[in-house]
């Protein structure tokens, strides 16, 4: 429908949308059997089969492009997080003289 769950609940409470209350194992649920056409928002598909396939292919192509853009943004954000984590590690490690760090490595390897 293109609206939030809170809006759907308001529609059910006000009577704009008919729903049945059903008790389940994990509590009660509202089941909506039909949605009135005036409440449906968003892109609608044409009724002719040829146009529907073209429209679906266009939507699929659009979604694939958005997916690629989001994947690139996610990769860049992940790389930035790793960089910031390494910088934080450098800031939080205690400053020790080089010879202490060296002797600690030697003692670990010999043990």
N, C-alpha and C. Protein backbone atom coordinates (compact mmCIF):
# COMPACT_ATOMS: atom_id res chain seq x y z
N UNK A 1 0.83 -1.20 0.00
CA UNK A 1 0.00 0.00 0.00
C UNK A 1 0.86 1.25 0.00
N UNK A 2 2.12 1.13 0.36
CA UNK A 2 3.00 2.29 0.36
C UNK A 2 2.85 3.16 1.60
N UNK A 3 2.33 2.61 2.69
CA UNK A 3 2.19 3.35 3.94
C UNK A 3 2.83 2.56 5.07
N UNK A 4 3.01 3.21 6.20
CA UNK A 4 3.65 2.55 7.33
C UNK A 4 2.67 1.62 8.05
N UNK A 5 3.22 0.77 8.91
CA UNK A 5 2.37 -0.15 9.67
C UNK A 5 1.45 0.61 10.63
N UNK A 6 1.94 1.73 11.14
CA UNK A 6 1.10 2.54 12.04
C UNK A 6 -0.12 3.08 11.30
N UNK A 7 0.08 3.48 10.04
CA UNK A 7 -1.03 3.98 9.24
C UNK A 7 -2.05 2.87 8.97
N UNK A 8 -1.56 1.66 8.68
CA UNK A 8 -2.47 0.53 8.46
C UNK A 8 -3.27 0.28 9.72
N UNK A 9 -2.64 0.33 10.87
CA UNK A 9 -3.37 0.12 12.13
C UNK A 9 -4.42 1.20 12.35
N UNK A 10 -4.08 2.46 12.00
CA UNK A 10 -5.06 3.54 12.12
C UNK A 10 -6.24 3.30 11.17
N UNK A 11 -5.95 2.83 9.94
CA UNK A 11 -7.01 2.53 8.98
C UNK A 11 -7.94 1.45 9.52
N UNK A 12 -7.37 0.42 10.14
CA UNK A 12 -8.19 -0.66 10.69
C UNK A 12 -9.05 -0.12 11.84
N UNK A 13 -8.44 0.68 12.70
CA UNK A 13 -9.16 1.22 13.85
C UNK A 13 -10.29 2.16 13.43
N UNK A 14 -10.04 2.96 12.37
CA UNK A 14 -11.06 3.91 11.93
C UNK A 14 -12.12 3.27 11.04
N UNK A 15 -11.86 2.06 10.54
CA UNK A 15 -12.84 1.39 9.71
C UNK A 15 -12.61 1.55 8.22
N UNK A 16 -11.57 2.27 7.82
CA UNK A 16 -11.26 2.41 6.40
C UNK A 16 -10.83 1.09 5.78
N UNK A 17 -10.29 0.22 6.62
CA UNK A 17 -9.76 -1.07 6.17
C UNK A 17 -10.37 -2.16 7.03
N UNK A 18 -10.97 -3.17 6.40
CA UNK A 18 -11.59 -4.25 7.15
C UNK A 18 -10.55 -5.32 7.46
N UNK A 19 -10.48 -5.73 8.72
CA UNK A 19 -9.52 -6.76 9.14
C UNK A 19 -10.18 -7.65 10.20
N UNK A 20 -9.77 -8.93 10.21
CA UNK A 20 -10.26 -9.87 11.21
C UNK A 20 -9.17 -10.11 12.24
N UNK A 21 -9.57 -10.19 13.51
CA UNK A 21 -8.62 -10.51 14.57
C UNK A 21 -8.60 -12.01 14.77
N UNK A 22 -7.40 -12.60 14.68
CA UNK A 22 -7.25 -14.04 14.83
C UNK A 22 -6.22 -14.30 15.93
N UNK A 23 -6.59 -15.20 16.86
CA UNK A 23 -5.65 -15.56 17.91
C UNK A 23 -4.66 -16.57 17.36
N UNK A 24 -3.38 -16.37 17.67
CA UNK A 24 -2.35 -17.28 17.21
C UNK A 24 -1.50 -17.78 18.37
N UNK A 25 -0.49 -18.57 18.06
CA UNK A 25 0.40 -19.11 19.09
C UNK A 25 1.23 -18.01 19.75
N UNK A 26 1.51 -16.95 19.01
CA UNK A 26 2.37 -15.89 19.52
C UNK A 26 1.59 -14.60 19.76
N UNK A 27 0.32 -14.69 20.01
CA UNK A 27 -0.50 -13.53 20.26
C UNK A 27 -1.50 -13.32 19.14
N UNK A 28 -2.27 -12.26 19.23
CA UNK A 28 -3.29 -11.98 18.24
C UNK A 28 -2.72 -11.31 17.00
N UNK A 29 -3.40 -11.54 15.87
CA UNK A 29 -2.99 -10.95 14.59
C UNK A 29 -4.23 -10.40 13.90
N UNK A 30 -4.03 -9.36 13.11
CA UNK A 30 -5.08 -8.86 12.26
C UNK A 30 -4.82 -9.38 10.85
N UNK A 31 -5.84 -9.94 10.22
CA UNK A 31 -5.74 -10.43 8.85
C UNK A 31 -6.59 -9.53 7.96
N UNK A 32 -5.98 -8.99 6.92
CA UNK A 32 -6.66 -8.12 5.97
C UNK A 32 -6.96 -8.95 4.73
N UNK A 33 -8.23 -9.08 4.36
CA UNK A 33 -8.60 -9.93 3.23
C UNK A 33 -8.60 -9.16 1.91
N UNK A 34 -8.97 -7.89 1.91
CA UNK A 34 -9.02 -7.11 0.68
C UNK A 34 -8.65 -5.66 0.98
N UNK A 35 -7.95 -5.06 0.03
CA UNK A 35 -7.55 -3.66 0.18
C UNK A 35 -8.35 -2.84 -0.82
N UNK A 36 -9.07 -1.82 -0.35
CA UNK A 36 -9.82 -0.97 -1.28
C UNK A 36 -8.88 -0.25 -2.25
N UNK A 37 -9.28 -0.09 -3.51
CA UNK A 37 -8.40 0.54 -4.51
C UNK A 37 -7.98 1.95 -4.17
N UNK A 38 -8.82 2.69 -3.45
CA UNK A 38 -8.45 4.08 -3.13
C UNK A 38 -7.31 4.17 -2.11
N UNK A 39 -7.02 3.07 -1.41
CA UNK A 39 -5.94 3.06 -0.43
C UNK A 39 -4.61 2.58 -1.02
N UNK A 40 -4.64 2.05 -2.23
CA UNK A 40 -3.41 1.54 -2.84
C UNK A 40 -2.65 2.70 -3.46
N UNK A 41 -1.38 2.83 -3.08
CA UNK A 41 -0.51 3.88 -3.62
C UNK A 41 0.66 3.24 -4.34
N UNK A 42 1.39 4.03 -5.09
CA UNK A 42 2.59 3.52 -5.74
C UNK A 42 2.38 3.28 -7.21
N UNK A 43 3.34 2.60 -7.83
CA UNK A 43 3.31 2.35 -9.26
C UNK A 43 2.30 1.24 -9.56
N UNK A 44 1.47 1.48 -10.55
CA UNK A 44 0.53 0.46 -10.99
C UNK A 44 0.97 -0.04 -12.36
N UNK A 45 0.72 -1.30 -12.61
CA UNK A 45 1.09 -1.90 -13.89
C UNK A 45 -0.08 -1.82 -14.85
N UNK A 46 0.21 -1.69 -16.14
CA UNK A 46 -0.84 -1.68 -17.16
C UNK A 46 -1.46 -3.06 -17.29
N UNK A 47 -2.65 -3.12 -17.82
CA UNK A 47 -3.37 -4.39 -17.94
C UNK A 47 -2.97 -5.17 -19.19
N UNK A 48 -2.37 -4.53 -20.19
CA UNK A 48 -2.00 -5.24 -21.41
C UNK A 48 -0.73 -6.04 -21.17
N UNK A 49 -0.69 -7.33 -21.64
CA UNK A 49 0.44 -8.20 -21.33
C UNK A 49 1.79 -7.66 -21.83
N UNK A 50 1.85 -7.11 -23.02
CA UNK A 50 3.12 -6.61 -23.56
C UNK A 50 3.67 -5.45 -22.75
N UNK A 51 2.79 -4.54 -22.40
CA UNK A 51 3.22 -3.39 -21.61
C UNK A 51 3.61 -3.80 -20.20
N UNK A 52 2.95 -4.81 -19.67
CA UNK A 52 3.27 -5.27 -18.33
C UNK A 52 4.68 -5.83 -18.28
N UNK A 53 5.05 -6.64 -19.27
CA UNK A 53 6.40 -7.21 -19.31
C UNK A 53 7.45 -6.11 -19.47
N UNK A 54 7.17 -5.13 -20.34
CA UNK A 54 8.11 -4.02 -20.52
C UNK A 54 8.25 -3.23 -19.23
N UNK A 55 7.13 -3.01 -18.56
CA UNK A 55 7.16 -2.26 -17.30
C UNK A 55 7.93 -3.04 -16.24
N UNK A 56 7.69 -4.34 -16.16
CA UNK A 56 8.41 -5.16 -15.18
C UNK A 56 9.90 -5.20 -15.47
N UNK A 57 10.27 -5.30 -16.75
CA UNK A 57 11.68 -5.31 -17.10
C UNK A 57 12.33 -3.97 -16.77
N UNK A 58 11.60 -2.88 -17.00
CA UNK A 58 12.11 -1.55 -16.63
C UNK A 58 12.32 -1.43 -15.13
N UNK A 59 11.33 -1.91 -14.36
CA UNK A 59 11.46 -1.87 -12.90
C UNK A 59 12.62 -2.74 -12.42
N UNK A 60 12.77 -3.92 -13.05
CA UNK A 60 13.86 -4.81 -12.68
C UNK A 60 15.21 -4.16 -12.96
N UNK A 61 15.34 -3.52 -14.11
CA UNK A 61 16.59 -2.84 -14.46
C UNK A 61 16.89 -1.71 -13.47
N UNK A 62 15.83 -0.95 -13.12
CA UNK A 62 15.98 0.13 -12.14
C UNK A 62 16.48 -0.41 -10.80
N UNK A 63 15.87 -1.50 -10.34
CA UNK A 63 16.25 -2.09 -9.06
C UNK A 63 17.67 -2.65 -9.09
N UNK A 64 18.08 -3.22 -10.22
CA UNK A 64 19.45 -3.73 -10.35
C UNK A 64 20.45 -2.59 -10.27
N UNK A 65 20.15 -1.47 -10.90
CA UNK A 65 21.05 -0.32 -10.84
C UNK A 65 21.15 0.22 -9.42
N UNK A 66 20.02 0.31 -8.74
CA UNK A 66 20.03 0.77 -7.35
C UNK A 66 20.81 -0.19 -6.47
N UNK A 67 20.67 -1.49 -6.74
CA UNK A 67 21.40 -2.50 -5.97
C UNK A 67 22.90 -2.33 -6.15
N UNK A 68 23.35 -2.11 -7.38
CA UNK A 68 24.77 -1.90 -7.63
C UNK A 68 25.29 -0.66 -6.92
N UNK A 69 24.51 0.43 -6.97
CA UNK A 69 24.93 1.66 -6.29
C UNK A 69 25.03 1.45 -4.78
N UNK A 70 24.04 0.75 -4.21
CA UNK A 70 24.07 0.50 -2.77
C UNK A 70 25.22 -0.42 -2.38
N UNK A 71 25.52 -1.40 -3.24
CA UNK A 71 26.64 -2.30 -2.95
C UNK A 71 27.96 -1.53 -2.96
N UNK A 72 28.11 -0.60 -3.90
CA UNK A 72 29.32 0.22 -3.94
C UNK A 72 29.42 1.11 -2.70
N UNK A 73 28.32 1.70 -2.30
CA UNK A 73 28.32 2.54 -1.10
C UNK A 73 28.63 1.72 0.14
N UNK A 74 28.09 0.50 0.20
CA UNK A 74 28.34 -0.38 1.33
C UNK A 74 29.82 -0.76 1.39
N UNK A 75 30.41 -1.08 0.24
CA UNK A 75 31.83 -1.42 0.21
C UNK A 75 32.70 -0.26 0.67
N UNK A 76 32.38 0.94 0.21
CA UNK A 76 33.15 2.12 0.61
C UNK A 76 32.99 2.37 2.11
N UNK A 77 31.78 2.22 2.63
CA UNK A 77 31.55 2.43 4.06
C UNK A 77 32.28 1.39 4.90
N UNK A 78 32.29 0.14 4.43
CA UNK A 78 33.00 -0.93 5.15
C UNK A 78 34.50 -0.65 5.19
N UNK A 79 35.04 -0.22 4.07
CA UNK A 79 36.47 0.11 4.01
C UNK A 79 36.79 1.28 4.95
N UNK A 80 35.93 2.28 4.99
CA UNK A 80 36.14 3.42 5.88
C UNK A 80 36.09 2.98 7.34
N UNK A 81 35.18 2.06 7.67
CA UNK A 81 35.08 1.55 9.04
C UNK A 81 36.37 0.83 9.43
N UNK A 82 36.90 0.01 8.53
CA UNK A 82 38.15 -0.70 8.83
C UNK A 82 39.30 0.28 9.04
N UNK A 83 39.35 1.32 8.22
CA UNK A 83 40.40 2.34 8.37
C UNK A 83 40.28 3.03 9.72
N UNK A 84 39.06 3.43 10.08
CA UNK A 84 38.87 4.11 11.36
C UNK A 84 39.17 3.18 12.55
N UNK A 85 38.82 1.89 12.43
CA UNK A 85 39.13 0.96 13.50
C UNK A 85 40.63 0.83 13.69
N UNK A 86 41.39 0.77 12.60
CA UNK A 86 42.85 0.66 12.74
C UNK A 86 43.43 1.95 13.34
N UNK A 87 42.85 3.10 13.01
CA UNK A 87 43.33 4.35 13.59
C UNK A 87 43.03 4.39 15.09
N UNK A 88 41.86 3.89 15.49
CA UNK A 88 41.51 3.86 16.92
C UNK A 88 42.45 2.92 17.66
N UNK A 89 42.79 1.78 17.06
CA UNK A 89 43.72 0.86 17.70
C UNK A 89 45.07 1.52 17.92
N UNK A 90 45.53 2.30 16.92
CA UNK A 90 46.81 2.99 17.08
C UNK A 90 46.75 4.01 18.21
N UNK A 91 45.62 4.67 18.36
CA UNK A 91 45.49 5.68 19.41
C UNK A 91 45.36 5.06 20.80
N UNK A 92 44.76 3.87 20.89
CA UNK A 92 44.52 3.29 22.20
C UNK A 92 45.66 2.43 22.70
N UNK A 93 46.56 1.98 21.83
CA UNK A 93 47.67 1.16 22.31
C UNK A 93 48.63 2.04 23.10
N UNK A 94 49.12 1.48 24.20
CA UNK A 94 50.05 2.24 25.04
C UNK A 94 51.39 2.43 24.34
N UNK A 95 51.98 3.57 24.57
CA UNK A 95 53.29 3.87 23.98
C UNK A 95 54.36 3.20 24.83
N UNK A 96 55.04 2.22 24.24
CA UNK A 96 56.13 1.54 24.92
C UNK A 96 57.40 1.71 24.11
N UNK A 97 58.53 1.66 24.77
CA UNK A 97 59.77 1.76 24.02
C UNK A 97 59.92 0.58 23.06
N UNK A 98 60.66 0.76 21.99
CA UNK A 98 60.80 -0.27 20.96
C UNK A 98 61.42 -1.54 21.51
N UNK A 99 62.33 -1.40 22.48
CA UNK A 99 63.01 -2.59 22.99
C UNK A 99 62.08 -3.46 23.83
N UNK A 100 61.06 -2.84 24.51
CA UNK A 100 60.09 -3.64 25.27
C UNK A 100 59.21 -4.45 24.35
N UNK A 101 58.76 -3.81 23.28
CA UNK A 101 57.93 -4.53 22.31
C UNK A 101 58.72 -5.67 21.69
N UNK A 102 60.00 -5.45 21.41
CA UNK A 102 60.85 -6.48 20.82
C UNK A 102 61.01 -7.65 21.77
N UNK A 103 61.31 -7.38 23.05
CA UNK A 103 61.52 -8.46 24.02
C UNK A 103 60.22 -9.22 24.31
N UNK A 104 59.10 -8.54 24.24
CA UNK A 104 57.83 -9.22 24.44
C UNK A 104 57.58 -10.21 23.31
N UNK A 105 57.89 -9.85 22.07
CA UNK A 105 57.74 -10.76 20.93
C UNK A 105 58.67 -11.95 21.06
N UNK A 106 59.89 -11.71 21.50
CA UNK A 106 60.86 -12.81 21.62
C UNK A 106 60.40 -13.77 22.71
N UNK A 107 59.90 -13.24 23.83
CA UNK A 107 59.46 -14.11 24.94
C UNK A 107 58.23 -14.92 24.54
N UNK A 108 57.34 -14.36 23.73
CA UNK A 108 56.18 -15.10 23.27
C UNK A 108 56.57 -16.23 22.34
N UNK A 109 57.51 -15.95 21.43
CA UNK A 109 57.92 -16.97 20.46
C UNK A 109 58.71 -18.11 21.12
N UNK A 110 59.45 -17.83 22.18
CA UNK A 110 60.25 -18.87 22.82
C UNK A 110 59.40 -19.73 23.75
N UNK A 111 58.26 -19.19 24.20
CA UNK A 111 57.41 -19.94 25.16
C UNK A 111 56.56 -20.97 24.52
